[in-house]
Amino acid sequence: MVSIEQMALVLDALPDPAFILSQSGRYVAVFGGKDARYYHDGSGLVGLYLSDVLNDEKTTYYLGIIQQALDSRKLLIEEYELSNKDVKGLPDEGPSQPIWFEGRIQALDFLVNNEPVVLWVASNISKRHKLELQLRQLSDTDQLTGLYNRRRLDRDLQLLFDTFSRHRIPASILVLDLDHLKRINDQLGHQAGDRVIMAVADTCQQQFRKTDSAYRFGGDEFVIALPGVDHDQAIVFAEYLCDCCFKALQQLSVKGLFATVSIGVASIEAGDKSYEDTLKRADAALYQAKRDGKNRVIANSA
């Protein structure tokens, strides 16, 4: 049998910190945290409250999780971030990236000073979180251009459509296609064609707001999502983007041969049943632009 004294030594040797926290957010006890790569000595927290240590937003979050664990009596597993800006008394300067933790929170079957308590074990998962983000980015990103791929397009356009349906927040879609890319590939080679594709991707990213997104839809076709942009604004932006692409692609001209872009514009409308309806109208407008002579913008509506 392990004695009480030996058990205390075992708890103290735990690599991850384990906190006993009361319902009101008081640090009742702190064990472990001996992995010096990730943790500092937390013994000084005992007797303090979460509100003494953390800002209001984080305190409210932790108290909510504690109450959820007490109500459910089940093991909760939560991933959360913590930065120096969340901790009172620390300067804003510090690591540019927050530390990510996985918390495992379980209600305990005893009271401390007549208060329910939970066991909260915190594990530093920053490396795992970074790897997960990188893998997610790879799965959502086109390898050549760095733009989002078609898989990500479906998810994001569904979100735009749902937002419009619920809150009537406008959104527009552009479909952009390269003109003369086949001739460039045939006469100058596919490496020249790839440079053209990358030039368009770079131009789009340079002109975007933070909320705008571009997706490589096919070999030489792109889709651009413009949340919060109505039909008239989308047309103005599309014409500006068409001109920017023209100037950028002229710089890749070889013996007078260079690509241009044609753009179709459509906005989500009340009669649309899904984002596919909007996308089809933008696509139809694109092909009208192709038929009308290329290097131009055509807008479509229901």
C-alpha atoms as a PDB file:
ATOM      1  CA  MET A   1       0.000   0.000   0.000  1.00  0.00           C
ATOM      2  CA  VAL A   2       1.116   3.539  -0.743  1.00  0.00           C
ATOM      3  CA  SER A   3       1.094   5.772   2.321  1.00  0.00           C
ATOM      4  CA  ILE A   4      -0.424   9.254   2.417  1.00  0.00           C
ATOM      5  CA  GLU A   5       3.076  10.708   2.541  1.00  0.00           C
ATOM      6  CA  GLN A   6       4.125   8.695  -0.509  1.00  0.00           C
ATOM      7  CA  MET A   7       0.958   9.704  -2.384  1.00  0.00           C
ATOM      8  CA  ALA A   8       1.785  13.356  -1.739  1.00  0.00           C
ATOM      9  CA  LEU A   9       5.203  12.779  -3.308  1.00  0.00           C
ATOM     10  CA  VAL A  10       3.601  11.072  -6.322  1.00  0.00           C
ATOM     11  CA  LEU A  11       1.198  13.971  -6.857  1.00  0.00           C
ATOM     12  CA  ASP A  12       4.017  16.479  -6.521  1.00  0.00           C
ATOM     13  CA  ALA A  13       6.051  14.620  -9.187  1.00  0.00           C
ATOM     14  CA  LEU A  14       3.328  14.801 -11.858  1.00  0.00           C
ATOM     15  CA  PRO A  15       4.743  16.375 -15.043  1.00  0.00           C
ATOM     16  CA  ASP A  16       1.510  18.304 -15.758  1.00  0.00           C
ATOM     17  CA  PRO A  17       0.005  20.657 -13.165  1.00  0.00           C
ATOM     18  CA  ALA A  18      -3.155  19.516 -11.378  1.00  0.00           C
ATOM     19  CA  PHE A  19      -5.320  22.127  -9.659  1.00  0.00           C
ATOM     20  CA  ILE A  20      -8.114  21.686  -7.173  1.00  0.00           C
ATOM     21  CA  LEU A  21     -10.451  24.611  -7.832  1.00  0.00           C
ATOM     22  CA  SER A  22     -13.557  25.550  -5.908  1.00  0.00           C
ATOM     23  CA  GLN A  23     -16.899  26.508  -7.400  1.00  0.00           C
ATOM     24  CA  SER A  24     -16.132  30.165  -6.689  1.00  0.00           C
ATOM     25  CA  GLY A  25     -12.773  29.896  -8.448  1.00  0.00           C
ATOM     26  CA  ARG A  26     -10.391  29.602  -5.503  1.00  0.00           C
ATOM     27  CA  TYR A  27      -7.136  27.693  -5.930  1.00  0.00           C
ATOM     28  CA  VAL A  28      -7.474  25.115  -3.143  1.00  0.00           C
ATOM     29  CA  ALA A  29      -4.348  23.104  -3.998  1.00  0.00           C
ATOM     30  CA  VAL A  30      -1.771  22.741  -6.757  1.00  0.00           C
ATOM     31  CA  PHE A  31       0.116  19.527  -7.530  1.00  0.00           C
ATOM     32  CA  GLY A  32       2.726  18.570 -10.113  1.00  0.00           C
ATOM     33  CA  GLY A  33       3.830  20.755 -12.998  1.00  0.00           C
ATOM     34  CA  LYS A  34       7.375  19.399 -12.754  1.00  0.00           C
ATOM     35  CA  ASP A  35       8.047  19.503 -16.503  1.00  0.00           C
ATOM     36  CA  ALA A  36      10.149  22.665 -16.450  1.00  0.00           C
ATOM     37  CA  ARG A  37      10.004  22.960 -20.259  1.00  0.00           C
ATOM     38  CA  TYR A  38       6.391  24.094 -20.039  1.00  0.00           C
ATOM     39  CA  TYR A  39       5.435  25.127 -16.517  1.00  0.00           C
ATOM     40  CA  HIS A  40       6.405  27.427 -13.680  1.00  0.00           C
ATOM     41  CA  ASP A  41       5.933  26.733  -9.985  1.00  0.00           C
ATOM     42  CA  GLY A  42       2.224  27.222  -9.282  1.00  0.00           C
ATOM     43  CA  SER A  43       2.303  26.815  -5.510  1.00  0.00           C
ATOM     44  CA  GLY A  44       1.942  30.577  -5.029  1.00  0.00           C
ATOM     45  CA  LEU A  45      -1.579  30.398  -6.471  1.00  0.00           C
ATOM     46  CA  VAL A  46      -3.005  28.515  -3.498  1.00  0.00           C
ATOM     47  CA  GLY A  47      -5.516  30.686  -1.651  1.00  0.00           C
ATOM     48  CA  LEU A  48      -5.970  33.098  -4.563  1.00  0.00           C
ATOM     49  CA  TYR A  49      -9.026  33.280  -6.788  1.00  0.00           C
ATOM     50  CA  LEU A  50      -9.129  33.070 -10.563  1.00  0.00           C
ATOM     51  CA  SER A  51     -10.235  36.718 -10.591  1.00  0.00           C
ATOM     52  CA  ASP A  52      -7.027  37.648  -8.735  1.00  0.00           C
ATOM     53  CA  VAL A  53      -4.910  36.116 -11.479  1.00  0.00           C
ATOM     54  CA  LEU A  54      -6.820  36.372 -14.756  1.00  0.00           C
ATOM     55  CA  ASN A  55      -8.724  39.054 -16.655  1.00  0.00           C
ATOM     56  CA  ASP A  56     -12.518  39.106 -16.555  1.00  0.00           C
ATOM     57  CA  GLU A  57     -13.010  37.238 -19.835  1.00  0.00           C
ATOM     58  CA  LYS A  58     -10.790  34.312 -18.874  1.00  0.00           C
ATOM     59  CA  THR A  59     -12.158  34.210 -15.339  1.00  0.00           C
ATOM     60  CA  THR A  60     -15.707  33.938 -16.671  1.00  0.00           C
ATOM     61  CA  TYR A  61     -14.626  31.181 -19.052  1.00  0.00           C
ATOM     62  CA  TYR A  62     -12.954  29.092 -16.312  1.00  0.00           C
ATOM     63  CA  LEU A  63     -15.841  29.530 -13.894  1.00  0.00           C
ATOM     64  CA  GLY A  64     -18.240  28.393 -16.607  1.00  0.00           C
ATOM     65  CA  ILE A  65     -16.242  25.218 -17.212  1.00  0.00           C
ATOM     66  CA  ILE A  66     -16.039  24.511 -13.478  1.00  0.00           C
ATOM     67  CA  GLN A  67     -19.808  24.862 -13.135  1.00  0.00           C
ATOM     68  CA  GLN A  68     -20.388  22.640 -16.177  1.00  0.00           C
ATOM     69  CA  ALA A  69     -18.172  19.931 -14.645  1.00  0.00           C
ATOM     70  CA  LEU A  70     -20.008  20.178 -11.305  1.00  0.00           C
ATOM     71  CA  ASP A  71     -23.417  19.980 -12.983  1.00  0.00           C
ATOM     72  CA  SER A  72     -22.602  17.096 -15.336  1.00  0.00           C
ATOM     73  CA  ARG A  73     -20.364  15.091 -12.967  1.00  0.00           C
ATOM     74  CA  LYS A  74     -18.627  13.922 -16.141  1.00  0.00           C
ATOM     75  CA  LEU A  75     -15.036  14.322 -17.287  1.00  0.00           C
ATOM     76  CA  LEU A  76     -14.770  17.425 -19.463  1.00  0.00           C
ATOM     77  CA  ILE A  77     -11.976  17.879 -21.981  1.00  0.00           C
ATOM     78  CA  GLU A  78     -11.396  21.476 -23.088  1.00  0.00           C
ATOM     79  CA  GLU A  79      -8.784  23.042 -25.354  1.00  0.00           C
ATOM     80  CA  TYR A  80      -8.021  26.685 -24.596  1.00  0.00           C
ATOM     81  CA  GLU A  81      -5.345  29.308 -25.056  1.00  0.00           C
ATOM     82  CA  LEU A  82      -3.597  31.437 -22.479  1.00  0.00           C
ATOM     83  CA  SER A  83      -1.307  34.385 -23.172  1.00  0.00           C
ATOM     84  CA  ASN A  84       0.463  36.975 -21.065  1.00  0.00           C
ATOM     85  CA  LYS A  85      -2.356  39.409 -21.895  1.00  0.00           C
ATOM     86  CA  ASP A  86      -4.788  37.140 -20.033  1.00  0.00           C
ATOM     87  CA  VAL A  87      -2.790  37.252 -16.791  1.00  0.00           C
ATOM     88  CA  LYS A  88      -2.982  40.270 -14.504  1.00  0.00           C
ATOM     89  CA  GLY A  89       0.254  42.029 -13.699  1.00  0.00           C
ATOM     90  CA  LEU A  90       2.191  40.818 -16.731  1.00  0.00           C
ATOM     91  CA  PRO A  91       3.406  43.256 -19.415  1.00  0.00           C
ATOM     92  CA  ASP A  92       1.800  43.053 -22.859  1.00  0.00           C
ATOM     93  CA  GLU A  93       5.194  42.223 -24.324  1.00  0.00           C
ATOM     94  CA  GLY A  94       5.799  38.504 -24.485  1.00  0.00           C
ATOM     95  CA  PRO A  95       5.528  35.510 -26.795  1.00  0.00           C
ATOM     96  CA  SER A  96       3.686  36.412 -29.993  1.00  0.00           C
ATOM     97  CA  GLN A  97       1.774  33.128 -29.906  1.00  0.00           C
ATOM     98  CA  PRO A  98      -0.473  32.059 -27.013  1.00  0.00           C
ATOM     99  CA  ILE A  99       0.139  28.807 -25.166  1.00  0.00           C
ATOM    100  CA  TRP A 100      -2.467  26.138 -25.845  1.00  0.00           C
ATOM    101  CA  PHE A 101      -3.642  23.751 -23.155  1.00  0.00           C
ATOM    102  CA  GLU A 102      -5.849  20.720 -22.943  1.00  0.00           C
ATOM    103  CA  GLY A 103      -7.754  20.785 -19.667  1.00  0.00           C
ATOM    104  CA  ARG A 104      -9.290  17.658 -18.157  1.00  0.00           C
ATOM    105  CA  ILE A 105     -11.814  18.690 -15.551  1.00  0.00           C
ATOM    106  CA  GLN A 106     -13.638  16.347 -13.186  1.00  0.00           C
ATOM    107  CA  ALA A 107     -15.937  17.106 -10.246  1.00  0.00           C
ATOM    108  CA  LEU A 108     -14.714  15.647  -6.946  1.00  0.00           C
ATOM    109  CA  ASP A 109     -16.964  13.913  -4.431  1.00  0.00           C
ATOM    110  CA  PHE A 110     -16.093  16.038  -1.430  1.00  0.00           C
ATOM    111  CA  LEU A 111     -16.372  19.645  -0.269  1.00  0.00           C
ATOM    112  CA  VAL A 112     -13.640  22.033   0.814  1.00  0.00           C
ATOM    113  CA  ASN A 113     -14.818  24.731   3.228  1.00  0.00           C
ATOM    114  CA  ASN A 114     -18.394  23.725   2.304  1.00  0.00           C
ATOM    115  CA  GLU A 115     -17.763  24.376  -1.409  1.00  0.00           C
ATOM    116  CA  PRO A 116     -17.859  21.880  -4.281  1.00  0.00           C
ATOM    117  CA  VAL A 117     -14.495  21.423  -5.980  1.00  0.00           C
ATOM    118  CA  VAL A 118     -13.098  20.080  -9.242  1.00  0.00           C
ATOM    119  CA  LEU A 119      -9.791  18.580 -10.304  1.00  0.00           C
ATOM    120  CA  TRP A 120      -8.363  20.477 -13.295  1.00  0.00           C
ATOM    121  CA  VAL A 121      -5.350  18.881 -15.005  1.00  0.00           C
ATOM    122  CA  ALA A 122      -3.721  21.177 -17.593  1.00  0.00           C
ATOM    123  CA  SER A 123      -1.451  19.819 -20.346  1.00  0.00           C
ATOM    124  CA  ASN A 124       0.557  22.069 -22.651  1.00  0.00           C
ATOM    125  CA  ILE A 125      -0.426  21.073 -26.214  1.00  0.00           C
ATOM    126  CA  SER A 126       1.059  24.025 -28.092  1.00  0.00           C
ATOM    127  CA  LYS A 127       3.240  21.841 -30.341  1.00  0.00           C
ATOM    128  CA  ARG A 128       0.321  19.541 -31.142  1.00  0.00           C
ATOM    129  CA  HIS A 129      -1.974  22.489 -31.795  1.00  0.00           C
ATOM    130  CA  LYS A 130       0.566  24.046 -34.185  1.00  0.00           C
ATOM    131  CA  LEU A 131       0.907  20.754 -36.063  1.00  0.00           C
ATOM    132  CA  GLU A 132      -2.877  20.401 -36.309  1.00  0.00           C
ATOM    133  CA  LEU A 133      -3.123  23.911 -37.761  1.00  0.00           C
ATOM    134  CA  GLN A 134      -0.406  23.109 -40.299  1.00  0.00           C
ATOM    135  CA  LEU A 135      -2.142  19.887 -41.335  1.00  0.00           C
ATOM    136  CA  ARG A 136      -5.481  21.678 -41.614  1.00  0.00           C
ATOM    137  CA  GLN A 137      -3.859  24.371 -43.736  1.00  0.00           C
ATOM    138  CA  LEU A 138      -2.330  21.773 -46.029  1.00  0.00           C
ATOM    139  CA  SER A 139      -5.686  20.052 -46.469  1.00  0.00           C
ATOM    140  CA  ASP A 140      -7.375  23.386 -47.305  1.00  0.00           C
ATOM    141  CA  THR A 141      -4.676  24.958 -49.472  1.00  0.00           C
ATOM    142  CA  ASP A 142      -3.777  24.706 -53.137  1.00  0.00           C
ATOM    143  CA  GLN A 143      -0.124  23.675 -53.395  1.00  0.00           C
ATOM    144  CA  LEU A 144       0.824  25.919 -56.333  1.00  0.00           C
ATOM    145  CA  THR A 145      -0.820  29.211 -55.377  1.00  0.00           C
ATOM    146  CA  GLY A 146      -1.227  29.047 -51.616  1.00  0.00           C
ATOM    147  CA  LEU A 147      -4.896  29.961 -52.078  1.00  0.00           C
ATOM    148  CA  TYR A 148      -7.670  27.914 -50.547  1.00  0.00           C
ATOM    149  CA  ASN A 149      -8.770  24.854 -52.499  1.00  0.00           C
ATOM    150  CA  ARG A 150     -12.166  23.589 -53.586  1.00  0.00           C
ATOM    151  CA  ARG A 151     -12.679  21.645 -50.373  1.00  0.00           C
ATOM    152  CA  ARG A 152     -12.431  24.833 -48.322  1.00  0.00           C
ATOM    153  CA  LEU A 153     -14.600  26.683 -50.848  1.00  0.00           C
ATOM    154  CA  ASP A 154     -17.640  24.525 -50.146  1.00  0.00           C
ATOM    155  CA  ARG A 155     -17.411  25.144 -46.410  1.00  0.00           C
ATOM    156  CA  ASP A 156     -16.870  28.899 -46.653  1.00  0.00           C
ATOM    157  CA  LEU A 157     -19.576  29.564 -49.234  1.00  0.00           C
ATOM    158  CA  GLN A 158     -22.047  27.588 -47.139  1.00  0.00           C
ATOM    159  CA  LEU A 159     -21.205  29.866 -44.217  1.00  0.00           C
ATOM    160  CA  LEU A 160     -21.745  32.965 -46.380  1.00  0.00           C
ATOM    161  CA  PHE A 161     -25.107  31.650 -47.520  1.00  0.00           C
ATOM    162  CA  ASP A 162     -26.193  30.781 -43.976  1.00  0.00           C
ATOM    163  CA  THR A 163     -25.210  34.243 -42.743  1.00  0.00           C
ATOM    164  CA  PHE A 164     -27.210  35.889 -45.525  1.00  0.00           C
ATOM    165  CA  SER A 165     -30.222  33.663 -44.874  1.00  0.00           C
ATOM    166  CA  ARG A 166     -30.306  34.415 -41.148  1.00  0.00           C
ATOM    167  CA  HIS A 167     -29.188  38.022 -40.973  1.00  0.00           C
ATOM    168  CA  ARG A 168     -29.497  39.337 -44.554  1.00  0.00           C
ATOM    169  CA  ILE A 169     -25.837  40.337 -44.534  1.00  0.00           C
ATOM    170  CA  PRO A 170     -24.877  40.783 -48.198  1.00  0.00           C
ATOM    171  CA  ALA A 171     -22.210  38.689 -49.863  1.00  0.00           C
ATOM    172  CA  SER A 172     -20.929  38.405 -53.399  1.00  0.00           C
ATOM    173  CA  ILE A 173     -19.046  35.825 -55.419  1.00  0.00           C
ATOM    174  CA  LEU A 174     -16.640  36.392 -58.294  1.00  0.00           C
ATOM    175  CA  VAL A 175     -15.608  33.664 -60.707  1.00  0.00           C
ATOM    176  CA  LEU A 176     -12.361  34.513 -62.476  1.00  0.00           C
ATOM    177  CA  ASP A 177     -10.868  32.658 -65.427  1.00  0.00           C
ATOM    178  CA  LEU A 178      -7.570  33.160 -67.208  1.00  0.00           C
ATOM    179  CA  ASP A 179      -7.708  34.049 -70.897  1.00  0.00           C
ATOM    180  CA  HIS A 180      -5.133  32.555 -73.322  1.00  0.00           C
ATOM    181  CA  LEU A 181      -3.542  30.223 -70.757  1.00  0.00           C
ATOM    182  CA  LYS A 182      -3.657  27.265 -73.165  1.00  0.00           C
ATOM    183  CA  ARG A 183      -1.718  29.244 -75.781  1.00  0.00           C
ATOM    184  CA  ILE A 184       0.875  30.185 -73.181  1.00  0.00           C
ATOM    185  CA  ASN A 185       1.230  26.561 -72.052  1.00  0.00           C
ATOM    186  CA  ASP A 186       1.501  25.343 -75.657  1.00  0.00           C
ATOM    187  CA  GLN A 187       3.956  27.997 -76.863  1.00  0.00           C
ATOM    188  CA  LEU A 188       5.948  28.839 -73.726  1.00  0.00           C
ATOM    189  CA  GLY A 189       5.575  25.732 -71.579  1.00  0.00           C
ATOM    190  CA  HIS A 190       3.687  24.856 -68.426  1.00  0.00           C
ATOM    191  CA  GLN A 191       6.209  26.591 -66.189  1.00  0.00           C
ATOM    192  CA  ALA A 192       5.278  29.862 -67.863  1.00  0.00           C
ATOM    193  CA  GLY A 193       1.634  28.971 -67.340  1.00  0.00           C
ATOM    194  CA  ASP A 194       2.266  28.317 -63.648  1.00  0.00           C
ATOM    195  CA  ARG A 195       3.895  31.743 -63.323  1.00  0.00           C
ATOM    196  CA  VAL A 196       0.760  33.303 -64.785  1.00  0.00           C
ATOM    197  CA  ILE A 197      -1.464  31.428 -62.325  1.00  0.00           C
ATOM    198  CA  MET A 198       0.716  32.478 -59.387  1.00  0.00           C
ATOM    199  CA  ALA A 199       0.728  36.099 -60.572  1.00  0.00           C
ATOM    200  CA  VAL A 200      -3.069  36.169 -60.494  1.00  0.00           C
ATOM    201  CA  ALA A 201      -3.128  34.573 -57.045  1.00  0.00           C
ATOM    202  CA  ASP A 202      -0.616  37.137 -55.745  1.00  0.00           C
ATOM    203  CA  THR A 203      -2.584  40.020 -57.260  1.00  0.00           C
ATOM    204  CA  CYS A 204      -5.799  38.846 -55.624  1.00  0.00           C
ATOM    205  CA  GLN A 205      -4.163  38.562 -52.207  1.00  0.00           C
ATOM    206  CA  GLN A 206      -2.619  42.030 -52.524  1.00  0.00           C
ATOM    207  CA  GLN A 207      -6.000  43.653 -53.198  1.00  0.00           C
ATOM    208  CA  PHE A 208      -8.084  41.798 -50.622  1.00  0.00           C
ATOM    209  CA  ARG A 209      -9.447  42.902 -47.291  1.00  0.00           C
ATOM    210  CA  LYS A 210      -8.744  40.512 -44.425  1.00  0.00           C
ATOM    211  CA  THR A 211     -12.262  39.108 -44.732  1.00  0.00           C
ATOM    212  CA  ASP A 212     -12.033  38.311 -48.461  1.00  0.00           C
ATOM    213  CA  SER A 213     -10.937  34.887 -49.666  1.00  0.00           C
ATOM    214  CA  ALA A 214      -9.778  33.382 -52.949  1.00  0.00           C
ATOM    215  CA  TYR A 215      -9.952  29.743 -54.006  1.00  0.00           C
ATOM    216  CA  ARG A 216      -8.397  27.870 -56.886  1.00  0.00           C
ATOM    217  CA  PHE A 217     -11.458  26.218 -58.380  1.00  0.00           C
ATOM    218  CA  GLY A 218      -9.769  24.431 -61.261  1.00  0.00           C
ATOM    219  CA  GLY A 219      -6.675  24.674 -63.434  1.00  0.00           C
ATOM    220  CA  ASP A 220      -7.127  28.302 -64.490  1.00  0.00           C
ATOM    221  CA  GLU A 221     -10.347  29.209 -62.683  1.00  0.00           C
ATOM    222  CA  PHE A 222     -10.644  30.998 -59.351  1.00  0.00           C
ATOM    223  CA  VAL A 223     -13.534  31.840 -57.048  1.00  0.00           C
ATOM    224  CA  ILE A 224     -13.477  34.910 -54.827  1.00  0.00           C
ATOM    225  CA  ALA A 225     -15.766  35.318 -51.812  1.00  0.00           C
ATOM    226  CA  LEU A 226     -16.616  38.858 -50.702  1.00  0.00           C
ATOM    227  CA  PRO A 227     -18.542  38.842 -47.403  1.00  0.00           C
ATOM    228  CA  GLY A 228     -20.438  42.029 -46.586  1.00  0.00           C
ATOM    229  CA  VAL A 229     -20.172  43.273 -50.183  1.00  0.00           C
ATOM    230  CA  ASP A 230     -23.352  44.065 -52.139  1.00  0.00           C
ATOM    231  CA  HIS A 231     -23.833  43.701 -55.890  1.00  0.00           C
ATOM    232  CA  ASP A 232     -22.770  47.209 -56.946  1.00  0.00           C
ATOM    233  CA  GLN A 233     -19.693  47.151 -54.700  1.00  0.00           C
ATOM    234  CA  ALA A 234     -18.727  43.743 -56.066  1.00  0.00           C
ATOM    235  CA  ILE A 235     -18.849  45.029 -59.642  1.00  0.00           C
ATOM    236  CA  VAL A 236     -16.598  47.975 -58.784  1.00  0.00           C
ATOM    237  CA  PHE A 237     -14.104  45.684 -57.058  1.00  0.00           C
ATOM    238  CA  ALA A 238     -14.181  43.149 -59.919  1.00  0.00           C
ATOM    239  CA  GLU A 239     -13.402  45.832 -62.484  1.00  0.00           C
ATOM    240  CA  TYR A 240     -10.548  47.119 -60.336  1.00  0.00           C
ATOM    241  CA  LEU A 241      -9.195  43.578 -59.883  1.00  0.00           C
ATOM    242  CA  CYS A 242      -9.453  42.905 -63.621  1.00  0.00           C
ATOM    243  CA  ASP A 243      -7.340  46.001 -64.286  1.00  0.00           C
ATOM    244  CA  CYS A 244      -4.784  45.018 -61.620  1.00  0.00           C
ATOM    245  CA  CYS A 245      -4.440  41.555 -63.146  1.00  0.00           C
ATOM    246  CA  PHE A 246      -4.014  43.059 -66.615  1.00  0.00           C
ATOM    247  CA  LYS A 247      -1.096  45.185 -65.419  1.00  0.00           C
ATOM    248  CA  ALA A 248       0.514  42.307 -63.513  1.00  0.00           C
ATOM    249  CA  LEU A 249       0.180  39.845 -66.389  1.00  0.00           C
ATOM    250  CA  GLN A 250       1.534  42.306 -68.952  1.00  0.00           C
ATOM    251  CA  GLN A 251       4.825  42.125 -67.091  1.00  0.00           C
ATOM    252  CA  LEU A 252       4.998  38.405 -67.999  1.00  0.00           C
ATOM    253  CA  SER A 253       4.497  39.114 -71.704  1.00  0.00           C
ATOM    254  CA  VAL A 254       6.726  37.134 -74.069  1.00  0.00           C
ATOM    255  CA  LYS A 255       6.742  38.242 -77.720  1.00  0.00           C
ATOM    256  CA  GLY A 256       3.461  40.035 -77.172  1.00  0.00           C
ATOM    257  CA  LEU A 257       1.738  36.976 -75.689  1.00  0.00           C
ATOM    258  CA  PHE A 258       0.271  37.429 -72.226  1.00  0.00           C
ATOM    259  CA  ALA A 259      -2.805  36.356 -70.315  1.00  0.00           C
ATOM    260  CA  THR A 260      -5.748  38.427 -69.153  1.00  0.00           C
ATOM    261  CA  VAL A 261      -8.685  37.595 -66.908  1.00  0.00           C
ATOM    262  CA  SER A 262     -12.435  37.460 -67.369  1.00  0.00           C
ATOM    263  CA  ILE A 263     -14.648  37.809 -64.303  1.00  0.00           C
ATOM    264  CA  GLY A 264     -18.268  36.939 -63.598  1.00  0.00           C
ATOM    265  CA  VAL A 265     -20.055  38.569 -60.672  1.00  0.00           C
ATOM    266  CA  ALA A 266     -23.124  37.495 -58.704  1.00  0.00           C
ATOM    267  CA  SER A 267     -24.476  38.294 -55.246  1.00  0.00           C
ATOM    268  CA  ILE A 268     -26.507  36.080 -52.942  1.00  0.00           C
ATOM    269  CA  GLU A 269     -30.172  36.937 -53.384  1.00  0.00           C
ATOM    270  CA  ALA A 270     -33.340  36.131 -51.472  1.00  0.00           C
ATOM    271  CA  GLY A 271     -34.498  33.679 -54.130  1.00  0.00           C
ATOM    272  CA  ASP A 272     -31.339  31.558 -53.981  1.00  0.00           C
ATOM    273  CA  LYS A 273     -31.893  28.087 -52.522  1.00  0.00           C
ATOM    274  CA  SER A 274     -28.196  27.518 -51.842  1.00  0.00           C
ATOM    275  CA  TYR A 275     -24.823  29.069 -52.545  1.00  0.00           C
ATOM    276  CA  GLU A 276     -24.677  26.885 -55.662  1.00  0.00           C
ATOM    277  CA  ASP A 277     -27.382  29.089 -57.224  1.00  0.00           C
ATOM    278  CA  THR A 278     -25.218  32.181 -56.727  1.00  0.00           C
ATOM    279  CA  LEU A 279     -22.142  30.376 -57.992  1.00  0.00           C
ATOM    280  CA  LYS A 280     -23.971  29.240 -61.132  1.00  0.00           C
ATOM    281  CA  ARG A 281     -24.998  32.817 -61.930  1.00  0.00           C
ATOM    282  CA  ALA A 282     -21.425  34.042 -61.450  1.00  0.00           C
ATOM    283  CA  ASP A 283     -20.203  31.222 -63.685  1.00  0.00           C
ATOM    284  CA  ALA A 284     -22.771  32.094 -66.365  1.00  0.00           C
ATOM    285  CA  ALA A 285     -21.639  35.718 -66.212  1.00  0.00           C
ATOM    286  CA  LEU A 286     -18.024  34.595 -66.610  1.00  0.00           C
ATOM    287  CA  TYR A 287     -18.791  32.708 -69.810  1.00  0.00           C
ATOM    288  CA  GLN A 288     -20.687  35.709 -71.117  1.00  0.00           C
ATOM    289  CA  ALA A 289     -17.549  37.770 -70.494  1.00  0.00           C
ATOM    290  CA  LYS A 290     -15.578  35.184 -72.473  1.00  0.00           C
ATOM    291  CA  ARG A 291     -18.048  35.353 -75.348  1.00  0.00           C
ATOM    292  CA  ASP A 292     -18.018  39.148 -75.335  1.00  0.00           C
ATOM    293  CA  GLY A 293     -14.282  39.311 -75.955  1.00  0.00           C
ATOM    294  CA  LYS A 294     -12.533  38.399 -72.689  1.00  0.00           C
ATOM    295  CA  ASN A 295     -10.562  40.683 -70.357  1.00  0.00           C
ATOM    296  CA  ARG A 296     -13.755  42.119 -68.896  1.00  0.00           C
ATOM    297  CA  VAL A 297     -16.332  41.903 -66.114  1.00  0.00           C
ATOM    298  CA  ILE A 298     -19.931  40.783 -66.524  1.00  0.00           C
ATOM    299  CA  ALA A 299     -22.424  40.840 -63.638  1.00  0.00           C
ATOM    300  CA  ASN A 300     -25.448  38.608 -63.330  1.00  0.00           C
ATOM    301  CA  SER A 301     -28.539  38.619 -61.131  1.00  0.00           C
ATOM    302  CA  ALA A 302     -31.511  36.315 -60.615  1.00  0.00           C
END
